[in-house]
Amino acid sequence: MAKTRKTLGRRAKAAPAAPKKASRVQLTGDDRDLIRRLAERTGLEARVVVERALSAYAAAAAPGMPLHAEPARKVRKGEPGQKLFISVDGRPEVEIDKTEFVLGSGEGVDLRLDLPLISPRHARILWKGGRPVFEDLRSARGSYRLGRPVDVHMLETGDEIDLGGFLPIRFRLGESV
């Protein structure tokens, strides 16, 4: 018989929970049945049904995000890496020389935009798979591309994103001018 320790007026502390491991997705029987029925009705393979469902969700939840991770681009010795430049509201370009570059009105950001409609940590630019990615950091007024809200966007030369709907940021990939 296991011994228990009694406490005076307090409950014994529970043992700390072990951290959860990242697990594979487990489909329930109902999930599998739904996929099977969709596959039968559409004449597609179950794998294709799942891929299309995930791509529709990704398009709604994170527009511009690629569905499959791109292989990391290898840079040979002596080959310069790709550079990204931004121009804020038509001002001279600034080179993004960090793997994470934060824009906002608060202290401690990489590019301070001292305007009342810009959040303290409004957006950031990351490098993923050798490509620059714009990400809105759940700012109060949002970020817009071509008049539509944008949360995540793979950047290309010529892209323009408006912070707060009014401050245009233009992006250019390539060498300095």
Protein backbone atom coordinates (compact mmCIF):
# COMPACT_ATOMS: atom_id res chain seq x y z
CA MET A 1 0.00 0.00 0.00
CA ALA A 2 1.41 3.39 -1.00
CA LYS A 3 1.97 5.94 1.70
CA THR A 4 0.33 9.33 1.35
CA ARG A 5 1.59 12.43 3.01
CA LYS A 6 -0.98 14.42 4.91
CA THR A 7 -0.90 18.19 4.93
CA LEU A 8 -2.46 20.61 7.36
CA GLY A 9 -5.21 22.51 5.58
CA ARG A 10 -3.49 22.39 2.18
CA ARG A 11 -3.74 20.06 -0.70
CA ALA A 12 -0.67 18.24 -1.78
CA LYS A 13 0.85 19.66 -4.96
CA ALA A 14 0.29 17.62 -8.05
CA ALA A 15 3.36 16.48 -9.91
CA PRO A 16 4.21 18.82 -12.78
CA ALA A 17 2.84 17.59 -16.07
CA ALA A 18 5.35 16.30 -18.55
CA PRO A 19 5.72 18.56 -21.59
CA LYS A 20 3.69 17.33 -24.54
CA LYS A 21 5.54 16.06 -27.55
CA ALA A 22 4.56 17.23 -30.99
CA SER A 23 2.48 14.34 -32.24
CA ARG A 24 1.22 13.31 -35.60
CA VAL A 25 -2.33 14.20 -36.46
CA GLN A 26 -4.71 11.46 -35.38
CA LEU A 27 -7.88 11.21 -37.46
CA THR A 28 -11.02 9.91 -35.79
CA GLY A 29 -13.25 7.35 -37.44
CA ASP A 30 -15.70 10.14 -38.34
CA ASP A 31 -12.87 12.12 -40.00
CA ARG A 32 -11.83 9.10 -42.07
CA ASP A 33 -15.44 8.43 -43.00
CA LEU A 34 -15.96 12.01 -44.19
CA ILE A 35 -12.80 11.88 -46.30
CA ARG A 36 -13.90 8.53 -47.79
CA ARG A 37 -17.38 9.86 -48.64
CA LEU A 38 -15.93 13.02 -50.23
CA ALA A 39 -13.51 10.90 -52.25
CA GLU A 40 -16.37 8.69 -53.48
CA ARG A 41 -18.61 11.63 -54.37
CA THR A 42 -15.88 13.59 -56.20
CA GLY A 43 -14.08 10.62 -57.75
CA LEU A 44 -10.78 11.85 -56.27
CA GLU A 45 -8.26 9.96 -54.17
CA ALA A 46 -8.55 10.54 -50.42
CA ARG A 47 -5.09 12.16 -50.41
CA VAL A 48 -6.23 14.71 -53.04
CA VAL A 49 -9.38 15.50 -51.02
CA VAL A 50 -7.25 16.26 -47.95
CA GLU A 51 -4.74 18.33 -49.97
CA ARG A 52 -7.54 20.43 -51.48
CA ALA A 53 -9.19 20.95 -48.10
CA LEU A 54 -5.88 22.08 -46.58
CA SER A 55 -5.12 24.39 -49.51
CA ALA A 56 -8.56 26.04 -49.17
CA TYR A 57 -7.98 26.52 -45.44
CA ALA A 58 -4.48 27.92 -46.01
CA ALA A 59 -5.77 30.35 -48.65
CA ALA A 60 -8.37 31.66 -46.18
CA ALA A 61 -6.21 31.68 -43.04
CA ALA A 62 -2.82 32.73 -44.47
CA PRO A 63 -3.08 34.13 -48.01
CA GLY A 64 0.18 33.98 -49.92
CA MET A 65 1.70 31.27 -47.76
CA PRO A 66 3.04 28.37 -49.83
CA LEU A 67 1.51 24.99 -49.06
CA HIS A 68 4.77 23.08 -49.23
CA ALA A 69 8.01 24.24 -47.64
CA GLU A 70 10.49 25.21 -50.28
CA PRO A 71 13.89 23.57 -50.08
CA ALA A 72 16.53 25.84 -48.60
CA ARG A 73 18.45 27.62 -51.30
CA LYS A 74 22.13 26.84 -51.11
CA VAL A 75 24.49 29.76 -51.48
CA ARG A 76 27.89 28.85 -52.89
CA LYS A 77 30.99 30.47 -51.46
CA GLY A 78 31.66 33.76 -53.12
CA GLU A 79 28.05 34.10 -54.35
CA PRO A 80 26.30 37.06 -52.75
CA GLY A 81 22.97 36.30 -51.08
CA GLN A 82 19.75 37.89 -52.24
CA LYS A 83 19.19 41.36 -50.77
CA LEU A 84 15.92 43.05 -49.88
CA PHE A 85 15.34 46.80 -49.88
CA ILE A 86 12.31 48.73 -48.64
CA SER A 87 11.16 52.27 -49.31
CA VAL A 88 8.72 53.82 -46.84
CA ASP A 89 6.32 56.36 -48.34
CA GLY A 90 8.68 57.12 -51.26
CA ARG A 91 11.71 57.82 -49.07
CA PRO A 92 15.19 56.44 -49.92
CA GLU A 93 15.56 52.66 -49.73
CA VAL A 94 16.75 50.85 -46.61
CA GLU A 95 18.44 47.45 -46.86
CA ILE A 96 16.96 44.67 -44.73
CA ASP A 97 20.10 43.00 -43.38
CA LYS A 98 18.59 40.85 -40.61
CA THR A 99 16.74 37.53 -40.62
CA GLU A 100 13.91 39.21 -38.68
CA PHE A 101 13.23 42.90 -39.26
CA VAL A 102 10.43 44.55 -37.24
CA LEU A 103 8.57 47.72 -38.27
CA GLY A 104 6.48 49.71 -35.80
CA SER A 105 6.04 52.83 -33.69
CA GLY A 106 7.43 51.40 -30.45
CA GLU A 107 10.88 51.36 -28.94
CA GLY A 108 13.25 48.55 -29.87
CA VAL A 109 11.99 47.95 -33.42
CA ASP A 110 14.34 47.85 -36.42
CA LEU A 111 12.56 50.64 -38.32
CA ARG A 112 10.64 53.10 -36.17
CA LEU A 113 7.61 54.67 -37.82
CA ASP A 114 6.53 57.36 -35.37
CA LEU A 115 2.90 57.67 -36.46
CA PRO A 116 -0.19 57.26 -34.26
CA LEU A 117 -1.92 54.74 -36.57
CA ILE A 118 1.06 52.35 -36.61
CA SER A 119 1.14 49.73 -33.84
CA PRO A 120 4.25 49.49 -31.61
CA ARG A 121 5.18 46.18 -33.33
CA HIS A 122 3.13 46.46 -36.50
CA ALA A 123 4.80 43.98 -38.90
CA ARG A 124 7.96 42.05 -39.56
CA ILE A 125 9.96 40.70 -42.45
CA LEU A 126 11.45 37.20 -42.18
CA TRP A 127 13.55 35.05 -44.47
CA LYS A 128 12.08 31.58 -45.03
CA GLY A 129 13.58 29.15 -47.51
CA GLY A 130 15.78 31.90 -48.95
CA ARG A 131 12.77 34.14 -49.68
CA PRO A 132 11.54 37.22 -47.81
CA VAL A 133 8.13 37.02 -46.14
CA PHE A 134 6.02 39.92 -44.84
CA GLU A 135 3.95 39.19 -41.72
CA ASP A 136 1.49 41.50 -39.97
CA LEU A 137 1.91 41.15 -36.20
CA ARG A 138 -1.82 41.40 -35.40
CA SER A 139 -1.61 45.16 -35.59
CA ALA A 140 -4.62 47.25 -34.58
CA ARG A 141 -5.13 48.81 -38.06
CA GLY A 142 -3.80 45.93 -40.16
CA SER A 143 -1.75 45.78 -43.34
CA TYR A 144 -3.11 45.83 -46.88
CA ARG A 145 -1.91 44.73 -50.31
CA LEU A 146 -3.91 45.89 -53.32
CA GLY A 147 -6.65 47.05 -50.94
CA ARG A 148 -7.07 43.65 -49.29
CA PRO A 149 -5.99 42.72 -45.74
CA VAL A 150 -2.78 40.72 -45.63
CA ASP A 151 -1.45 38.62 -42.76
CA VAL A 152 1.39 36.77 -44.51
CA HIS A 153 2.80 37.45 -47.97
CA MET A 154 5.83 36.10 -49.87
CA LEU A 155 7.56 39.25 -51.14
CA GLU A 156 8.51 39.95 -54.74
CA THR A 157 10.13 42.97 -56.37
CA GLY A 158 7.56 45.74 -56.78
CA ASP A 159 5.21 44.58 -54.01
CA GLU A 160 3.63 47.40 -52.04
CA ILE A 161 1.98 46.89 -48.67
CA ASP A 162 0.16 49.68 -46.83
CA LEU A 163 0.62 49.66 -43.06
CA GLY A 164 -2.54 50.76 -41.30
CA GLY A 165 -4.11 51.20 -44.74
CA PHE A 166 -2.26 54.45 -45.47
CA LEU A 167 1.56 54.13 -45.15
CA PRO A 168 2.96 52.49 -48.32
CA ILE A 169 6.02 50.22 -48.03
CA ARG A 170 7.56 49.21 -51.38
CA PHE A 171 9.82 46.14 -51.65
CA ARG A 172 12.67 45.43 -54.08
CA LEU A 173 14.88 42.35 -54.33
CA GLY A 174 18.33 42.64 -55.84
CA GLU A 175 21.54 44.64 -55.67
CA SER A 176 21.89 48.13 -54.21
CA VAL A 177 21.50 51.01 -56.64
